């Protein structure tokens, strides 16, 4: 994929693209189909990352179906209902109560099954546990 933006002469740009990329031969290989399946999750998993800095983020993720699923509309609506600012439920629960400075929700729709991530950015110096546990 090539994106050309700005003020330019279309004919000249197309010629430059053809001259530059037209010489690249088409690959002879074929890419294998993706068939790897995520192993069954048998419980909650947690990771804590500690680094220098003052940004504290709590993330919670859930497996979701592939982007072509009929469930994507409902999952997108759920992300909006929970994660929007200032009307989302997470905003009311965490930001308005002072447990977090900001919240978000991101459904990562992809070709393969993905994840729905909910997050809260906790104020510097505050403990992350109250926001995480709420």
N, C-alpha and C. Protein backbone atom coordinates (compact mmCIF):
# COMPACT_ATOMS: atom_id res chain seq x y z
N UNK A 1 0.84 -1.16 0.00
CA UNK A 1 0.00 0.00 0.00
C UNK A 1 0.89 1.23 0.00
N UNK A 2 0.52 2.17 -0.80
CA UNK A 2 1.26 3.42 -0.88
C UNK A 2 0.26 4.56 -0.76
N UNK A 3 0.56 5.52 0.08
CA UNK A 3 -0.29 6.69 0.25
C UNK A 3 0.52 7.91 -0.14
N UNK A 4 -0.05 8.74 -1.01
CA UNK A 4 0.59 9.98 -1.41
C UNK A 4 -0.34 11.11 -1.00
N UNK A 5 0.19 12.07 -0.26
CA UNK A 5 -0.65 13.16 0.23
C UNK A 5 0.04 14.49 -0.05
N UNK A 6 -0.74 15.54 -0.09
CA UNK A 6 -0.21 16.87 -0.29
C UNK A 6 -0.51 17.39 -1.68
N UNK A 7 0.10 18.48 -2.00
CA UNK A 7 -0.10 19.11 -3.31
C UNK A 7 0.92 18.52 -4.28
N UNK A 8 0.46 17.80 -5.29
CA UNK A 8 1.35 17.18 -6.26
C UNK A 8 0.62 17.03 -7.58
N UNK A 9 1.39 16.81 -8.62
CA UNK A 9 0.85 16.57 -9.96
C UNK A 9 0.59 15.07 -10.09
N UNK A 10 -0.64 14.69 -10.31
CA UNK A 10 -1.04 13.28 -10.30
C UNK A 10 -0.27 12.46 -11.33
N UNK A 11 -0.16 12.95 -12.55
CA UNK A 11 0.53 12.19 -13.59
C UNK A 11 1.98 11.94 -13.24
N UNK A 12 2.65 12.96 -12.74
CA UNK A 12 4.07 12.83 -12.35
C UNK A 12 4.21 11.86 -11.18
N UNK A 13 3.33 11.96 -10.21
CA UNK A 13 3.39 11.07 -9.05
C UNK A 13 3.18 9.61 -9.48
N UNK A 14 2.20 9.35 -10.34
CA UNK A 14 1.95 7.99 -10.80
C UNK A 14 3.15 7.45 -11.58
N UNK A 15 3.79 8.29 -12.36
CA UNK A 15 4.97 7.87 -13.11
C UNK A 15 6.13 7.53 -12.17
N UNK A 16 6.32 8.36 -11.15
CA UNK A 16 7.37 8.06 -10.16
C UNK A 16 7.10 6.75 -9.43
N UNK A 17 5.85 6.50 -9.10
CA UNK A 17 5.48 5.25 -8.42
C UNK A 17 5.77 4.07 -9.35
N UNK A 18 5.37 4.17 -10.62
CA UNK A 18 5.60 3.09 -11.57
C UNK A 18 7.10 2.85 -11.77
N UNK A 19 7.88 3.93 -11.88
CA UNK A 19 9.32 3.80 -12.09
C UNK A 19 10.02 3.21 -10.88
N UNK A 20 9.56 3.59 -9.70
CA UNK A 20 10.22 3.15 -8.47
C UNK A 20 9.79 1.75 -8.05
N UNK A 21 8.50 1.50 -8.04
CA UNK A 21 8.00 0.23 -7.53
C UNK A 21 7.67 -0.78 -8.62
N UNK A 22 7.54 -0.33 -9.84
CA UNK A 22 7.21 -1.25 -10.93
C UNK A 22 8.31 -2.23 -11.23
N UNK A 23 9.54 -1.92 -10.83
CA UNK A 23 10.67 -2.81 -11.07
C UNK A 23 10.74 -3.96 -10.08
N UNK A 24 10.02 -3.87 -9.02
CA UNK A 24 10.06 -4.92 -7.99
C UNK A 24 9.27 -6.12 -8.51
N UNK A 25 9.92 -7.28 -8.64
CA UNK A 25 9.20 -8.44 -9.17
C UNK A 25 8.18 -8.97 -8.17
N UNK A 26 7.11 -9.53 -8.72
CA UNK A 26 6.09 -10.15 -7.88
C UNK A 26 6.70 -11.40 -7.23
N UNK A 27 6.48 -11.59 -5.93
CA UNK A 27 7.06 -12.78 -5.27
C UNK A 27 6.51 -14.07 -5.87
N UNK A 28 7.38 -15.08 -5.92
CA UNK A 28 6.95 -16.37 -6.45
C UNK A 28 6.37 -17.27 -5.36
N UNK A 29 6.63 -16.91 -4.11
CA UNK A 29 6.14 -17.73 -3.01
C UNK A 29 4.66 -17.44 -2.75
N UNK A 30 4.02 -18.38 -2.10
CA UNK A 30 2.65 -18.14 -1.64
C UNK A 30 2.68 -18.16 -0.11
N UNK A 31 1.96 -17.26 0.47
CA UNK A 31 1.93 -17.19 1.92
C UNK A 31 1.02 -18.28 2.47
N UNK A 32 1.44 -18.93 3.55
CA UNK A 32 0.59 -19.99 4.13
C UNK A 32 -0.63 -19.38 4.80
N UNK A 33 -1.74 -20.11 4.78
CA UNK A 33 -2.92 -19.61 5.50
C UNK A 33 -2.66 -19.65 7.01
N UNK A 34 -3.21 -18.69 7.69
CA UNK A 34 -3.05 -18.66 9.15
C UNK A 34 -4.05 -19.64 9.76
N UNK A 35 -3.56 -20.61 10.48
CA UNK A 35 -4.45 -21.60 11.08
C UNK A 35 -4.18 -21.79 12.57
N UNK A 36 -3.24 -21.03 13.11
CA UNK A 36 -2.93 -21.14 14.53
C UNK A 36 -4.13 -20.67 15.35
N UNK A 37 -4.46 -21.43 16.36
CA UNK A 37 -5.59 -21.10 17.22
C UNK A 37 -5.06 -20.85 18.63
N UNK A 38 -5.56 -19.80 19.23
CA UNK A 38 -5.19 -19.48 20.61
C UNK A 38 -5.59 -20.64 21.51
N UNK A 39 -4.71 -21.08 22.39
CA UNK A 39 -5.08 -22.18 23.30
C UNK A 39 -6.21 -21.75 24.23
N UNK A 40 -6.96 -22.71 24.69
CA UNK A 40 -8.07 -22.44 25.61
C UNK A 40 -7.53 -21.77 26.87
N UNK A 41 -8.19 -20.69 27.26
CA UNK A 41 -7.81 -19.98 28.47
C UNK A 41 -8.53 -20.63 29.65
N UNK A 42 -7.79 -21.02 30.66
CA UNK A 42 -8.39 -21.73 31.77
C UNK A 42 -8.44 -20.91 33.05
N UNK A 43 -8.35 -19.61 32.93
CA UNK A 43 -8.44 -18.79 34.13
C UNK A 43 -7.84 -17.42 33.89
N UNK A 44 -7.86 -16.64 34.91
CA UNK A 44 -7.35 -15.28 34.85
C UNK A 44 -5.82 -15.28 34.82
N UNK A 45 -5.26 -14.37 34.03
CA UNK A 45 -3.81 -14.19 33.97
C UNK A 45 -3.51 -12.74 34.28
N UNK A 46 -2.45 -12.49 35.00
CA UNK A 46 -2.10 -11.13 35.35
C UNK A 46 -0.62 -10.86 35.12
N UNK A 47 -0.32 -9.65 34.75
CA UNK A 47 1.06 -9.22 34.53
C UNK A 47 1.21 -7.83 35.14
N UNK A 48 2.30 -7.60 35.83
CA UNK A 48 2.61 -6.28 36.36
C UNK A 48 3.93 -5.83 35.74
N UNK A 49 3.92 -4.65 35.14
CA UNK A 49 5.13 -4.08 34.55
C UNK A 49 5.49 -2.84 35.36
N UNK A 50 6.70 -2.80 35.85
CA UNK A 50 7.16 -1.65 36.63
C UNK A 50 8.32 -1.01 35.88
N UNK A 51 8.16 0.27 35.59
CA UNK A 51 9.20 1.03 34.91
C UNK A 51 9.28 2.42 35.51
N UNK A 52 10.35 3.12 35.21
CA UNK A 52 10.48 4.50 35.67
C UNK A 52 9.45 5.35 34.94
N UNK A 53 8.95 6.34 35.62
CA UNK A 53 7.96 7.24 35.05
C UNK A 53 6.80 7.42 36.00
N UNK A 54 5.90 8.34 35.65
CA UNK A 54 4.80 8.62 36.55
C UNK A 54 3.43 8.28 35.97
N UNK A 55 3.39 7.62 34.83
CA UNK A 55 2.11 7.21 34.26
C UNK A 55 1.77 5.81 34.75
N UNK A 56 0.59 5.67 35.33
CA UNK A 56 0.13 4.39 35.84
C UNK A 56 -1.13 4.00 35.08
N UNK A 57 -1.11 2.84 34.48
CA UNK A 57 -2.25 2.39 33.69
C UNK A 57 -2.67 1.01 34.15
N UNK A 58 -3.96 0.85 34.33
CA UNK A 58 -4.55 -0.44 34.62
C UNK A 58 -5.27 -0.88 33.35
N UNK A 59 -4.93 -2.06 32.84
CA UNK A 59 -5.58 -2.60 31.64
C UNK A 59 -6.22 -3.94 31.98
N UNK A 60 -7.40 -4.14 31.44
CA UNK A 60 -8.08 -5.43 31.56
C UNK A 60 -8.53 -5.82 30.16
N UNK A 61 -8.20 -7.03 29.75
CA UNK A 61 -8.54 -7.46 28.40
C UNK A 61 -9.37 -8.73 28.40
N UNK A 62 -10.21 -8.83 27.41
CA UNK A 62 -11.06 -10.01 27.23
C UNK A 62 -10.96 -10.46 25.78
N UNK A 63 -10.95 -11.76 25.58
CA UNK A 63 -10.97 -12.30 24.22
C UNK A 63 -12.29 -11.94 23.54
N UNK A 64 -12.21 -11.57 22.26
CA UNK A 64 -13.42 -11.31 21.47
C UNK A 64 -13.28 -12.03 20.13
N UNK A 65 -14.40 -12.26 19.46
CA UNK A 65 -14.34 -12.96 18.18
C UNK A 65 -13.71 -12.09 17.08
N UNK A 66 -13.45 -12.71 15.96
CA UNK A 66 -12.87 -12.01 14.81
C UNK A 66 -13.77 -10.87 14.36
N UNK A 67 -13.18 -9.91 13.67
CA UNK A 67 -13.89 -8.73 13.23
C UNK A 67 -15.07 -8.99 12.32
N UNK A 68 -15.08 -10.11 11.64
CA UNK A 68 -16.19 -10.43 10.73
C UNK A 68 -17.38 -11.08 11.46
N UNK A 69 -17.26 -11.24 12.76
CA UNK A 69 -18.33 -11.84 13.55
C UNK A 69 -19.55 -10.91 13.62
N UNK A 70 -20.70 -11.50 13.78
CA UNK A 70 -21.92 -10.70 13.95
C UNK A 70 -21.96 -10.04 15.34
N UNK A 71 -21.05 -10.41 16.22
CA UNK A 71 -21.00 -9.83 17.56
C UNK A 71 -20.26 -8.49 17.62
N UNK A 72 -19.62 -8.08 16.52
CA UNK A 72 -18.81 -6.86 16.57
C UNK A 72 -19.65 -5.62 16.85
N UNK A 73 -20.86 -5.58 16.35
CA UNK A 73 -21.71 -4.41 16.59
C UNK A 73 -22.02 -4.29 18.08
N UNK A 74 -22.37 -5.39 18.71
CA UNK A 74 -22.67 -5.37 20.14
C UNK A 74 -21.42 -5.04 20.96
N UNK A 75 -20.27 -5.58 20.57
CA UNK A 75 -19.04 -5.29 21.29
C UNK A 75 -18.63 -3.83 21.12
N UNK A 76 -18.84 -3.28 19.94
CA UNK A 76 -18.54 -1.87 19.71
C UNK A 76 -19.45 -0.98 20.57
N UNK A 77 -20.72 -1.35 20.64
CA UNK A 77 -21.66 -0.60 21.49
C UNK A 77 -21.26 -0.70 22.96
N UNK A 78 -20.83 -1.88 23.39
CA UNK A 78 -20.40 -2.06 24.78
C UNK A 78 -19.19 -1.18 25.08
N UNK A 79 -18.26 -1.10 24.14
CA UNK A 79 -17.08 -0.24 24.33
C UNK A 79 -17.50 1.22 24.48
N UNK A 80 -18.46 1.65 23.68
CA UNK A 80 -18.94 3.03 23.78
C UNK A 80 -19.66 3.27 25.11
N UNK A 81 -20.53 2.36 25.49
CA UNK A 81 -21.31 2.52 26.72
C UNK A 81 -20.38 2.56 27.93
N UNK A 82 -19.35 1.74 27.92
CA UNK A 82 -18.45 1.68 29.07
C UNK A 82 -17.34 2.72 29.03
N UNK A 83 -16.76 2.96 27.85
CA UNK A 83 -15.54 3.73 27.80
C UNK A 83 -15.62 5.18 27.39
N UNK A 84 -16.77 5.65 26.93
CA UNK A 84 -16.83 7.04 26.48
C UNK A 84 -16.67 8.03 27.63
N UNK A 85 -16.12 9.19 27.28
CA UNK A 85 -15.98 10.28 28.24
C UNK A 85 -16.82 11.44 27.76
N UNK A 86 -17.63 12.03 28.57
CA UNK A 86 -17.81 11.88 30.01
C UNK A 86 -19.03 11.04 30.38
N UNK A 87 -19.67 10.38 29.41
CA UNK A 87 -20.92 9.69 29.70
C UNK A 87 -20.79 8.20 29.98
N UNK A 88 -19.63 7.63 29.76
CA UNK A 88 -19.46 6.19 29.93
C UNK A 88 -19.52 5.76 31.38
N UNK A 89 -19.87 4.51 31.56
CA UNK A 89 -20.00 3.98 32.92
C UNK A 89 -18.67 3.92 33.66
N UNK A 90 -17.59 3.62 32.93
CA UNK A 90 -16.29 3.61 33.59
C UNK A 90 -15.88 5.02 34.02
N UNK A 91 -16.22 6.01 33.21
CA UNK A 91 -15.92 7.39 33.58
C UNK A 91 -16.66 7.76 34.87
N UNK A 92 -17.95 7.43 34.92
CA UNK A 92 -18.73 7.73 36.13
C UNK A 92 -18.16 7.00 37.35
N UNK A 93 -17.80 5.74 37.15
CA UNK A 93 -17.36 4.91 38.27
C UNK A 93 -15.95 5.24 38.74
N UNK A 94 -15.04 5.53 37.82
CA UNK A 94 -13.64 5.70 38.19
C UNK A 94 -13.16 7.14 38.19
N UNK A 95 -13.50 7.90 37.16
CA UNK A 95 -13.00 9.28 37.07
C UNK A 95 -13.75 10.19 38.03
N UNK A 96 -15.07 10.12 38.01
CA UNK A 96 -15.86 11.01 38.87
C UNK A 96 -15.65 10.71 40.36
N UNK A 97 -15.28 9.48 40.67
CA UNK A 97 -15.01 9.14 42.08
C UNK A 97 -13.57 9.45 42.48
N UNK A 98 -12.74 9.86 41.52
CA UNK A 98 -11.36 10.22 41.81
C UNK A 98 -10.37 9.07 41.79
N UNK A 99 -10.83 7.87 41.40
CA UNK A 99 -9.93 6.72 41.37
C UNK A 99 -9.03 6.71 40.14
N UNK A 100 -9.41 7.43 39.09
CA UNK A 100 -8.63 7.48 37.86
C UNK A 100 -8.75 8.87 37.24
N UNK A 101 -7.77 9.21 36.43
CA UNK A 101 -7.79 10.49 35.73
C UNK A 101 -8.45 10.37 34.37
N UNK A 102 -8.41 9.17 33.79
CA UNK A 102 -8.95 8.95 32.45
C UNK A 102 -9.25 7.47 32.28
N UNK A 103 -10.25 7.16 31.45
CA UNK A 103 -10.59 5.77 31.14
C UNK A 103 -10.78 5.62 29.63
N UNK A 104 -10.71 4.39 29.17
CA UNK A 104 -10.92 4.12 27.75
C UNK A 104 -11.31 2.66 27.55
N UNK A 105 -11.89 2.40 26.40
CA UNK A 105 -12.24 1.05 25.99
C UNK A 105 -11.91 0.92 24.51
N UNK A 106 -11.29 -0.18 24.12
CA UNK A 106 -10.86 -0.37 22.75
C UNK A 106 -11.13 -1.80 22.29
N UNK A 107 -12.14 -1.99 21.45
CA UNK A 107 -12.33 -3.32 20.87
C UNK A 107 -11.38 -3.48 19.69
N UNK A 108 -10.47 -4.42 19.78
CA UNK A 108 -9.47 -4.62 18.72
C UNK A 108 -9.98 -5.67 17.74
N UNK A 109 -10.80 -5.21 16.79
CA UNK A 109 -11.35 -6.10 15.78
C UNK A 109 -10.30 -6.37 14.72
N UNK A 110 -10.04 -7.64 14.45
CA UNK A 110 -9.06 -8.04 13.47
C UNK A 110 -9.60 -9.18 12.63
N UNK A 111 -8.79 -9.63 11.70
CA UNK A 111 -9.17 -10.79 10.88
C UNK A 111 -9.36 -12.01 11.77
N UNK A 112 -8.47 -12.19 12.70
CA UNK A 112 -8.54 -13.30 13.65
C UNK A 112 -9.14 -12.80 14.95
N UNK A 113 -9.53 -13.70 15.85
CA UNK A 113 -10.04 -13.26 17.13
C UNK A 113 -9.06 -12.31 17.81
N UNK A 114 -9.60 -11.31 18.50
CA UNK A 114 -8.76 -10.29 19.11
C UNK A 114 -9.05 -10.12 20.58
N UNK A 115 -9.02 -8.88 21.03
CA UNK A 115 -9.24 -8.59 22.45
C UNK A 115 -9.98 -7.27 22.58
N UNK A 116 -10.75 -7.18 23.64
CA UNK A 116 -11.38 -5.93 24.05
C UNK A 116 -10.60 -5.48 25.27
N UNK A 117 -10.08 -4.25 25.22
CA UNK A 117 -9.25 -3.75 26.31
C UNK A 117 -9.96 -2.58 26.98
N UNK A 118 -10.03 -2.63 28.28
CA UNK A 118 -10.55 -1.54 29.09
C UNK A 118 -9.39 -1.01 29.92
N UNK A 119 -9.27 0.30 30.03
CA UNK A 119 -8.14 0.85 30.75
C UNK A 119 -8.50 2.07 31.58
N UNK A 120 -7.68 2.28 32.58
CA UNK A 120 -7.80 3.47 33.43
C UNK A 120 -6.40 4.01 33.68
N UNK A 121 -6.25 5.31 33.49
CA UNK A 121 -4.99 5.97 33.81
C UNK A 121 -5.14 6.57 35.20
N UNK A 122 -4.31 6.11 36.11
CA UNK A 122 -4.39 6.51 37.51
C UNK A 122 -3.45 7.69 37.74
N UNK A 123 -3.91 8.61 38.54
CA UNK A 123 -3.12 9.82 38.84
C UNK A 123 -1.77 9.46 39.44
N UNK A 124 -0.72 10.20 39.08
CA UNK A 124 0.61 9.95 39.66
C UNK A 124 0.53 10.00 41.19
N UNK A 125 1.15 9.02 41.81
CA UNK A 125 1.19 8.97 43.27
C UNK A 125 0.03 8.21 43.89
N UNK A 126 -1.08 8.04 43.16
CA UNK A 126 -2.20 7.28 43.69
C UNK A 126 -1.96 5.78 43.48
N UNK A 127 -2.56 4.98 44.31
CA UNK A 127 -2.46 3.54 44.18
C UNK A 127 -3.35 3.05 43.04
N UNK A 128 -2.90 2.06 42.28
CA UNK A 128 -3.71 1.53 41.18
C UNK A 128 -4.74 0.51 41.65
N UNK A 129 -4.55 -0.05 42.83
CA UNK A 129 -5.42 -1.13 43.30
C UNK A 129 -6.89 -0.73 43.39
N UNK A 130 -7.24 0.44 43.94
CA UNK A 130 -8.67 0.78 44.01
C UNK A 130 -9.32 0.85 42.62
N UNK A 131 -8.63 1.41 41.63
CA UNK A 131 -9.19 1.46 40.28
C UNK A 131 -9.28 0.07 39.67
N UNK A 132 -8.27 -0.74 39.89
CA UNK A 132 -8.26 -2.09 39.34
C UNK A 132 -9.35 -2.95 39.98
N UNK A 133 -9.50 -2.83 41.26
CA UNK A 133 -10.43 -3.70 41.98
C UNK A 133 -11.88 -3.27 41.84
N UNK A 134 -12.14 -2.02 41.50
CA UNK A 134 -13.50 -1.52 41.42
C UNK A 134 -14.18 -2.19 40.26
